[in-house]
PDB file of N, CA and C in Angstrom:
ATOM      1  N   MET A   1      -6.334  17.519  22.672  1.00  0.00           N
ATOM      2  CA  MET A   1      -5.780  16.401  22.129  1.00  0.00           C
ATOM      3  C   MET A   1      -6.111  15.721  20.817  1.00  0.00           C
ATOM      4  N   ALA A   2      -6.172  14.549  20.156  1.00  0.00           N
ATOM      5  CA  ALA A   2      -6.721  14.022  18.743  1.00  0.00           C
ATOM      6  C   ALA A   2      -8.342  13.435  18.873  1.00  0.00           C
ATOM      7  N   LYS A   3      -8.954  12.944  18.583  1.00  0.00           N
ATOM      8  CA  LYS A   3      -9.896  12.594  18.227  1.00  0.00           C
ATOM      9  C   LYS A   3      -9.368  10.896  18.402  1.00  0.00           C
ATOM     10  N   LYS A   4     -10.251   9.911  19.033  1.00  0.00           N
ATOM     11  CA  LYS A   4      -9.537   8.506  19.318  1.00  0.00           C
ATOM     12  C   LYS A   4      -9.749   8.318  17.681  1.00  0.00           C
ATOM     13  N   ASN A   5     -10.630   8.281  16.828  1.00  0.00           N
ATOM     14  CA  ASN A   5     -10.894   7.704  15.845  1.00  0.00           C
ATOM     15  C   ASN A   5     -10.085   9.040  14.674  1.00  0.00           C
ATOM     16  N   GLU A   6      -9.471   9.963  14.728  1.00  0.00           N
ATOM     17  CA  GLU A   6      -8.613  10.490  14.365  1.00  0.00           C
ATOM     18  C   GLU A   6      -7.654   9.837  13.681  1.00  0.00           C
ATOM     19  N   LEU A   7      -7.100   9.468  12.221  1.00  0.00           N
ATOM     20  CA  LEU A   7      -5.113   8.765  11.908  1.00  0.00           C
ATOM     21  C   LEU A   7      -4.299  10.484  11.540  1.00  0.00           C
ATOM     22  N   ASP A   8      -2.975   9.733  12.355  1.00  0.00           N
ATOM     23  CA  ASP A   8      -2.356  10.940  12.207  1.00  0.00           C
ATOM     24  C   ASP A   8      -2.161  10.956  11.285  1.00  0.00           C
ATOM     25  N   PRO A   9      -0.956  11.802  10.872  1.00  0.00           N
ATOM     26  CA  PRO A   9      -1.394  12.539   9.282  1.00  0.00           C
ATOM     27  C   PRO A   9      -0.405  11.551   8.152  1.00  0.00           C
ATOM     28  N   GLU A  10       0.794  11.064   9.132  1.00  0.00           N
ATOM     29  CA  GLU A  10       1.862   9.416   8.229  1.00  0.00           C
ATOM     30  C   GLU A  10       0.610   7.810   8.236  1.00  0.00           C
ATOM     31  N   THR A  11       0.195   8.158   9.440  1.00  0.00           N
ATOM     32  CA  THR A  11      -0.660   6.745   8.776  1.00  0.00           C
ATOM     33  C   THR A  11      -1.600   6.931   8.197  1.00  0.00           C
ATOM     34  N   ALA A  12      -2.675   7.936   7.907  1.00  0.00           N
ATOM     35  CA  ALA A  12      -3.406   8.355   6.753  1.00  0.00           C
ATOM     36  C   ALA A  12      -2.425   8.384   5.081  1.00  0.00           C
ATOM     37  N   ALA A  13      -1.765   9.237   5.203  1.00  0.00           N
ATOM     38  CA  ALA A  13      -0.409   8.738   4.515  1.00  0.00           C
ATOM     39  C   ALA A  13      -0.106   7.784   3.747  1.00  0.00           C
ATOM     40  N   LEU A  14      -0.346   6.647   4.617  1.00  0.00           N
ATOM     41  CA  LEU A  14       0.305   5.595   4.383  1.00  0.00           C
ATOM     42  C   LEU A  14      -1.135   4.493   3.836  1.00  0.00           C
ATOM     43  N   ILE A  15      -1.909   4.235   4.512  1.00  0.00           N
ATOM     44  CA  ILE A  15      -3.710   4.555   3.806  1.00  0.00           C
ATOM     45  C   ILE A  15      -3.422   4.642   2.285  1.00  0.00           C
ATOM     46  N   ALA A  16      -3.680   5.700   2.015  1.00  0.00           N
ATOM     47  CA  ALA A  16      -3.953   6.642   1.061  1.00  0.00           C
ATOM     48  C   ALA A  16      -2.674   5.840  -0.083  1.00  0.00           C
ATOM     49  N   TRP A  17      -1.549   5.652   0.493  1.00  0.00           N
ATOM     50  CA  TRP A  17      -0.654   5.037  -0.836  1.00  0.00           C
ATOM     51  C   TRP A  17      -0.839   4.105  -0.597  1.00  0.00           C
ATOM     52  N   CYS A  18      -1.122   2.998  -0.022  1.00  0.00           N
ATOM     53  CA  CYS A  18      -1.335   1.627   0.002  1.00  0.00           C
ATOM     54  C   CYS A  18      -3.278   1.259  -1.100  1.00  0.00           C
ATOM     55  N   THR A  19      -3.469   2.299  -0.860  1.00  0.00           N
ATOM     56  CA  THR A  19      -4.646   2.300  -1.642  1.00  0.00           C
ATOM     57  C   THR A  19      -3.843   3.069  -4.025  1.00  0.00           C
ATOM     58  N   GLU A  20      -3.115   3.893  -3.409  1.00  0.00           N
ATOM     59  CA  GLU A  20      -3.091   3.516  -4.450  1.00  0.00           C
ATOM     60  C   GLU A  20      -1.448   2.640  -5.591  1.00  0.00           C
ATOM     61  N   VAL A  21      -1.232   2.339  -4.839  1.00  0.00           N
ATOM     62  CA  VAL A  21      -0.829   0.777  -4.796  1.00  0.00           C
ATOM     63  C   VAL A  21      -1.893  -1.072  -6.016  1.00  0.00           C
ATOM     64  N   GLU A  22      -2.592  -0.196  -4.867  1.00  0.00           N
ATOM     65  CA  GLU A  22      -3.374  -2.167  -5.251  1.00  0.00           C
ATOM     66  C   GLU A  22      -3.749  -1.008  -6.740  1.00  0.00           C
ATOM     67  N   LYS A  23      -4.034  -0.935  -6.687  1.00  0.00           N
ATOM     68  CA  LYS A  23      -4.792   0.277  -8.663  1.00  0.00           C
ATOM     69  C   LYS A  23      -3.816  -0.241  -9.295  1.00  0.00           C
ATOM     70  N   PHE A  24      -2.571  -0.248  -9.120  1.00  0.00           N
ATOM     71  CA  PHE A  24      -1.452  -0.940  -9.568  1.00  0.00           C
ATOM     72  C   PHE A  24      -1.119  -2.735 -10.117  1.00  0.00           C
ATOM     73  N   LEU A  25      -1.294  -2.692  -8.191  1.00  0.00           N
ATOM     74  CA  LEU A  25      -1.445  -4.948  -9.133  1.00  0.00           C
ATOM     75  C   LEU A  25      -2.785  -5.209  -9.912  1.00  0.00           C
ATOM     76  N   VAL A  26      -3.632  -4.475  -9.413  1.00  0.00           N
ATOM     77  CA  VAL A  26      -5.193  -4.510 -10.018  1.00  0.00           C
ATOM     78  C   VAL A  26      -4.661  -4.513 -11.375  1.00  0.00           C
ATOM     79  N   ALA A  27      -4.055  -3.569 -11.585  1.00  0.00           N
ATOM     80  CA  ALA A  27      -4.176  -2.968 -13.081  1.00  0.00           C
ATOM     81  C   ALA A  27      -2.683  -4.688 -13.368  1.00  0.00           C
ATOM     82  N   GLY A  28      -1.465  -4.744 -13.169  1.00  0.00           N
ATOM     83  CA  GLY A  28      -1.245  -5.572 -13.394  1.00  0.00           C
ATOM     84  C   GLY A  28      -1.824  -7.062 -13.118  1.00  0.00           C
ATOM     85  N   GLY A  29      -2.958  -7.619 -13.378  1.00  0.00           N
ATOM     86  CA  GLY A  29      -3.560  -8.655 -13.271  1.00  0.00           C
ATOM     87  C   GLY A  29      -3.990  -9.223 -12.047  1.00  0.00           C
ATOM     88  N   ALA A  30      -4.079  -8.752 -10.969  1.00  0.00           N
ATOM     89  CA  ALA A  30      -4.625  -9.176  -9.585  1.00  0.00           C
ATOM     90  C   ALA A  30      -5.742  -8.375  -9.319  1.00  0.00           C
ATOM     91  N   THR A  31      -7.007  -9.303  -8.745  1.00  0.00           N
ATOM     92  CA  THR A  31      -8.219  -8.880  -8.932  1.00  0.00           C
ATOM     93  C   THR A  31      -8.268  -8.077  -7.412  1.00  0.00           C
ATOM     94  N   LEU A  32      -8.922  -7.649  -6.898  1.00  0.00           N
ATOM     95  CA  LEU A  32      -8.465  -6.347  -6.003  1.00  0.00           C
ATOM     96  C   LEU A  32      -9.112  -7.177  -5.241  1.00  0.00           C
ATOM     97  N   ALA A  33      -9.773  -7.750  -4.735  1.00  0.00           N
ATOM     98  CA  ALA A  33      -9.899  -8.821  -3.307  1.00  0.00           C
ATOM     99  C   ALA A  33      -8.162  -9.150  -3.722  1.00  0.00           C
ATOM    100  N   GLN A  34      -7.074  -9.885  -4.235  1.00  0.00           N
ATOM    101  CA  GLN A  34      -5.750 -10.144  -4.598  1.00  0.00           C
ATOM    102  C   GLN A  34      -5.145  -9.565  -4.012  1.00  0.00           C
ATOM    103  N   ALA A  35      -5.207  -8.391  -4.195  1.00  0.00           N
ATOM    104  CA  ALA A  35      -4.201  -6.845  -4.442  1.00  0.00           C
ATOM    105  C   ALA A  35      -4.442  -6.478  -2.959  1.00  0.00           C
ATOM    106  N   GLN A  36      -5.888  -6.175  -2.260  1.00  0.00           N
ATOM    107  CA  GLN A  36      -5.883  -6.009  -0.976  1.00  0.00           C
ATOM    108  C   GLN A  36      -5.796  -7.448  -0.042  1.00  0.00           C
ATOM    109  N   ASP A  37      -5.111  -8.609  -0.568  1.00  0.00           N
ATOM    110  CA  ASP A  37      -4.660  -9.213   0.768  1.00  0.00           C
ATOM    111  C   ASP A  37      -3.027  -9.512   0.997  1.00  0.00           C
ATOM    112  N   HIS A  38      -2.972  -9.428  -0.589  1.00  0.00           N
ATOM    113  CA  HIS A  38      -2.118  -9.745  -0.877  1.00  0.00           C
ATOM    114  C   HIS A  38      -0.845  -7.717   0.168  1.00  0.00           C
ATOM    115  N   ILE A  39      -1.008  -7.384   0.394  1.00  0.00           N
ATOM    116  CA  ILE A  39      -0.942  -6.003   1.045  1.00  0.00           C
ATOM    117  C   ILE A  39      -1.128  -5.928   2.532  1.00  0.00           C
ATOM    118  N   GLU A  40      -2.416  -6.408   2.830  1.00  0.00           N
ATOM    119  CA  GLU A  40      -2.661  -6.687   4.108  1.00  0.00           C
ATOM    120  C   GLU A  40      -1.578  -8.033   4.577  1.00  0.00           C
ATOM    121  N   GLU A  41      -1.692  -8.612   3.964  1.00  0.00           N
ATOM    122  CA  GLU A  41      -0.187  -9.937   4.272  1.00  0.00           C
ATOM    123  C   GLU A  41       1.212  -9.670   3.622  1.00  0.00           C
ATOM    124  N   GLN A  42       1.446  -8.121   3.297  1.00  0.00           N
ATOM    125  CA  GLN A  42       2.904  -8.089   3.296  1.00  0.00           C
ATOM    126  C   GLN A  42       2.842  -6.999   4.231  1.00  0.00           C
ATOM    127  N   VAL A  43       2.104  -6.726   4.523  1.00  0.00           N
ATOM    128  CA  VAL A  43       1.919  -4.723   4.815  1.00  0.00           C
ATOM    129  C   VAL A  43       3.049  -3.970   5.548  1.00  0.00           C
ATOM    130  N   GLU A  44       4.601  -5.661   6.419  1.00  0.00           N
ATOM    131  CA  GLU A  44       5.620  -4.636   6.793  1.00  0.00           C
ATOM    132  C   GLU A  44       6.848  -4.303   5.668  1.00  0.00           C
ATOM    133  N   TRP A  45       5.797  -5.498   4.796  1.00  0.00           N
ATOM    134  CA  TRP A  45       7.673  -4.851   2.821  1.00  0.00           C
ATOM    135  C   TRP A  45       6.350  -3.869   2.934  1.00  0.00           C
ATOM    136  N   PHE A  46       5.750  -3.852   2.793  1.00  0.00           N
ATOM    137  CA  PHE A  46       4.490  -2.749   2.005  1.00  0.00           C
ATOM    138  C   PHE A  46       5.123  -0.604   2.698  1.00  0.00           C
ATOM    139  N   THR A  47       5.226  -1.019   3.867  1.00  0.00           N
ATOM    140  CA  THR A  47       5.038   0.015   5.158  1.00  0.00           C
ATOM    141  C   THR A  47       7.422  -0.026   4.648  1.00  0.00           C
ATOM    142  N   ASP A  48       7.366  -0.763   4.604  1.00  0.00           N
ATOM    143  CA  ASP A  48       9.593  -0.451   3.686  1.00  0.00           C
ATOM    144  C   ASP A  48       9.323   0.126   3.283  1.00  0.00           C
ATOM    145  N   GLN A  49       8.573   0.005   1.792  1.00  0.00           N
ATOM    146  CA  GLN A  49       9.232   0.605   0.130  1.00  0.00           C
ATOM    147  C   GLN A  49       8.580   1.933   0.720  1.00  0.00           C
ATOM    148  N   PHE A  50       7.259   2.768   1.061  1.00  0.00           N
ATOM    149  CA  PHE A  50       6.255   3.734   1.818  1.00  0.00           C
ATOM    150  C   PHE A  50       7.495   4.589   2.211  1.00  0.00           C
ATOM    151  N   TYR A  51       8.489   3.828   3.031  1.00  0.00           N
ATOM    152  CA  TYR A  51       8.877   5.162   3.930  1.00  0.00           C
ATOM    153  C   TYR A  51      11.166   5.286   3.268  1.00  0.00           C
ATOM    154  N   ASP A  52      11.175   4.665   2.591  1.00  0.00           N
ATOM    155  CA  ASP A  52      11.859   4.061   1.210  1.00  0.00           C
ATOM    156  C   ASP A  52      11.966   5.471   0.425  1.00  0.00           C
ATOM    157  N   GLY A  53      10.710   5.516  -0.116  1.00  0.00           N
ATOM    158  CA  GLY A  53      10.339   6.559  -0.646  1.00  0.00           C
ATOM    159  C   GLY A  53       9.612   6.576  -1.958  1.00  0.00           C
ATOM    160  N   LEU A  54       9.506   5.125  -2.422  1.00  0.00           N
ATOM    161  CA  LEU A  54       9.122   4.012  -3.562  1.00  0.00           C
ATOM    162  C   LEU A  54       7.774   4.867  -3.843  1.00  0.00           C
ATOM    163  N   THR A  55       7.467   5.084  -5.262  1.00  0.00           N
ATOM    164  CA  THR A  55       5.780   4.999  -5.807  1.00  0.00           C
ATOM    165  C   THR A  55       5.116   4.229  -5.417  1.00  0.00           C
ATOM    166  N   PRO A  56       4.406   4.199  -5.536  1.00  0.00           N
ATOM    167  CA  PRO A  56       3.013   3.147  -5.294  1.00  0.00           C
ATOM    168  C   PRO A  56       3.035   2.422  -6.629  1.00  0.00           C
ATOM    169  N   GLU A  57       3.183   2.741  -8.308  1.00  0.00           N
ATOM    170  CA  GLU A  57       4.191   2.293  -8.806  1.00  0.00           C
ATOM    171  C   GLU A  57       4.967   1.422  -8.945  1.00  0.00           C
ATOM    172  N   GLU A  58       6.393   1.679  -8.598  1.00  0.00           N
ATOM    173  CA  GLU A  58       7.065   0.624  -7.914  1.00  0.00           C
ATOM    174  C   GLU A  58       6.859   0.226  -7.128  1.00  0.00           C
ATOM    175  N   ALA A  59       6.509   0.497  -6.042  1.00  0.00           N
ATOM    176  CA  ALA A  59       6.240  -1.483  -5.213  1.00  0.00           C
ATOM    177  C   ALA A  59       5.226  -1.936  -6.106  1.00  0.00           C
ATOM    178  N   ALA A  60       4.706  -1.970  -6.632  1.00  0.00           N
ATOM    179  CA  ALA A  60       3.380  -2.646  -6.929  1.00  0.00           C
ATOM    180  C   ALA A  60       4.211  -3.043  -8.151  1.00  0.00           C
ATOM    181  N   LYS A  61       5.484  -3.252  -8.558  1.00  0.00           N
ATOM    182  CA  LYS A  61       6.331  -3.029 -10.156  1.00  0.00           C
ATOM    183  C   LYS A  61       7.294  -3.947  -8.987  1.00  0.00           C
ATOM    184  N   ALA A  62       6.922  -4.276  -8.000  1.00  0.00           N
ATOM    185  CA  ALA A  62       8.260  -4.584  -7.456  1.00  0.00           C
ATOM    186  C   ALA A  62       7.660  -5.872  -6.766  1.00  0.00           C
ATOM    187  N   ALA A  63       6.288  -5.833  -6.238  1.00  0.00           N
ATOM    188  CA  ALA A  63       5.433  -7.053  -5.698  1.00  0.00           C
ATOM    189  C   ALA A  63       4.797  -8.084  -6.815  1.00  0.00           C
ATOM    190  N   LEU A  64       4.665  -7.605  -7.950  1.00  0.00           N
ATOM    191  CA  LEU A  64       4.564  -8.261  -8.550  1.00  0.00           C
ATOM    192  C   LEU A  64       5.836  -8.852  -9.379  1.00  0.00           C
ATOM    193  N   ASN A  65       6.834  -8.177  -9.499  1.00  0.00           N
ATOM    194  CA  ASN A  65       7.904  -8.900  -9.862  1.00  0.00           C
ATOM    195  C   ASN A  65       8.823 -10.318  -8.510  1.00  0.00           C
ATOM    196  N   ASP A  66       8.153 -10.122  -7.751  1.00  0.00           N
ATOM    197  CA  ASP A  66       8.596 -11.733  -6.686  1.00  0.00           C
ATOM    198  C   ASP A  66       8.809 -12.449  -7.218  1.00  0.00           C
TER     199      ASP A  66
END
């Protein structure tokens, strides 16, 4: 049985992916706080992009173009 504090591999991969998206949002002009807030506010949309197979760069570009 997994420890309570351990993330399953899929969740860990999603978090790592979002961290990469964050970097591209910052490169596109957002502050780190703005990038983090946007990802948190739009978590369902970003999760969909992750499962649809978008790269972090593609997801950030789509988010910046909205």
